[in-house]
Amino acid sequence: MVELPGGPGFPEDSWGGSTLRIGEALFQVTVPTPRCVVPTLSHDELTADPGIMRAVAREHRIPVLSLGSLSCLGVYLDVLEPGAVQKGDAVTIGAGR
């Protein structure tokens, strides 16, 4: 999870193909992350909440590869340079090697 300044929205939609430096690691943004129903199921003390998936489907459907428009939240990353990543590390978009 990355906290960004500014208002609501999905800034990760503009990151396709970019690199992200987080802590010591460097990542390549590859594709938006289609969401599935697993987060809506009950987990330990958390009760099931199908409203989560409904909200993502209602608010954010975008094209993913040749799969059509899917409910997405977040992006998949490939590791270009492994390294330590810790809570609170700065995130730099467009960072090079």
Protein backbone atom coordinates (compact mmCIF):
# COMPACT_ATOMS: atom_id res chain seq x y z
CA MET A 1 0.00 0.00 0.00
CA VAL A 2 1.36 3.39 -0.98
CA GLU A 3 0.05 6.61 0.53
CA LEU A 4 0.11 9.46 -1.98
CA PRO A 5 -0.70 13.15 -1.62
CA GLY A 6 -3.78 14.46 -3.37
CA GLY A 7 -7.38 13.46 -3.66
CA PRO A 8 -9.16 10.25 -4.49
CA GLY A 9 -8.51 8.35 -7.65
CA PHE A 10 -6.35 5.62 -9.07
CA PRO A 11 -2.90 7.15 -9.74
CA GLU A 12 -1.44 3.70 -10.42
CA ASP A 13 -3.32 3.71 -13.74
CA SER A 14 -0.66 6.08 -15.11
CA TRP A 15 2.31 3.98 -13.91
CA GLY A 16 2.26 1.31 -16.66
CA GLY A 17 5.82 0.56 -17.77
CA SER A 18 7.30 2.87 -15.12
CA THR A 19 9.85 1.92 -12.52
CA LEU A 20 9.32 2.36 -8.78
CA ARG A 21 12.12 2.63 -6.24
CA ILE A 22 10.87 1.57 -2.82
CA GLY A 23 13.52 1.46 -0.14
CA GLU A 24 16.51 -0.37 -1.62
CA ALA A 25 14.48 -2.25 -4.26
CA LEU A 26 13.66 -1.29 -7.84
CA PHE A 27 10.47 -2.54 -9.51
CA GLN A 28 8.94 -2.41 -12.99
CA VAL A 29 5.17 -1.82 -13.17
CA THR A 30 3.77 -4.51 -15.46
CA VAL A 31 -0.04 -4.62 -15.46
CA PRO A 32 -3.08 -3.55 -13.38
CA THR A 33 -4.16 -6.05 -10.72
CA PRO A 34 -7.58 -7.61 -11.41
CA ARG A 35 -9.35 -8.26 -8.13
CA CYS A 36 -11.05 -11.51 -7.19
CA VAL A 37 -13.59 -12.44 -4.53
CA VAL A 38 -11.07 -13.79 -1.98
CA PRO A 39 -10.82 -10.49 -0.01
CA THR A 40 -14.62 -10.50 0.36
CA LEU A 41 -14.64 -13.88 2.13
CA SER A 42 -14.45 -14.28 5.89
CA HIS A 43 -10.91 -14.58 7.26
CA ASP A 44 -10.34 -15.47 10.93
CA GLU A 45 -12.18 -12.77 12.92
CA LEU A 46 -13.13 -10.73 9.82
CA THR A 47 -16.61 -11.42 8.51
CA ALA A 48 -17.45 -11.78 4.82
CA ASP A 49 -18.09 -8.48 3.00
CA PRO A 50 -19.14 -8.84 -0.67
CA GLY A 51 -19.58 -5.05 -0.78
CA ILE A 52 -15.81 -4.71 -1.21
CA MET A 53 -15.83 -6.35 -4.64
CA ARG A 54 -19.02 -4.55 -5.64
CA ALA A 55 -17.40 -1.19 -4.84
CA VAL A 56 -14.27 -1.97 -6.89
CA ALA A 57 -16.41 -3.21 -9.80
CA ARG A 58 -18.56 -0.09 -9.65
CA GLU A 59 -15.72 2.42 -9.28
CA HIS A 60 -12.84 1.04 -11.29
CA ARG A 61 -13.08 -1.17 -14.36
CA ILE A 62 -10.16 -0.77 -16.77
CA PRO A 63 -8.72 -2.64 -19.77
CA VAL A 64 -6.20 -5.35 -18.85
CA LEU A 65 -4.12 -6.80 -21.68
CA SER A 66 -6.50 -8.60 -24.07
CA LEU A 67 -8.88 -9.63 -21.25
CA GLY A 68 -11.24 -6.66 -21.58
CA SER A 69 -12.31 -4.29 -18.80
CA LEU A 70 -11.81 -5.82 -15.36
CA SER A 71 -12.29 -4.65 -11.78
CA CYS A 72 -8.78 -3.61 -10.76
CA LEU A 73 -7.05 -2.13 -7.77
CA GLY A 74 -3.27 -1.77 -7.67
CA VAL A 75 -0.58 -3.00 -10.05
CA TYR A 76 1.69 -6.01 -10.42
CA LEU A 77 5.43 -5.40 -10.18
CA ASP A 78 8.50 -7.24 -11.44
CA VAL A 79 11.62 -7.00 -9.28
CA LEU A 80 14.50 -5.40 -11.21
CA GLU A 81 16.83 -4.94 -8.23
CA PRO A 82 16.09 -6.83 -5.00
CA GLY A 83 16.55 -5.02 -1.72
CA ALA A 84 15.04 -4.29 1.67
CA VAL A 85 11.62 -2.60 1.73
CA GLN A 86 10.23 -1.35 5.03
CA LYS A 87 7.07 0.38 6.14
CA GLY A 88 7.52 4.12 5.68
CA ASP A 89 10.10 3.86 2.87
CA ALA A 90 9.86 6.57 0.22
CA VAL A 91 8.45 5.61 -3.18
CA THR A 92 10.02 7.23 -6.23
CA ILE A 93 8.20 6.84 -9.54
CA GLY A 94 10.40 6.77 -12.63
CA ALA A 95 13.54 5.94 -10.65
CA GLY A 96 16.36 4.49 -12.75
CA ARG A 97 18.98 1.93 -12.03
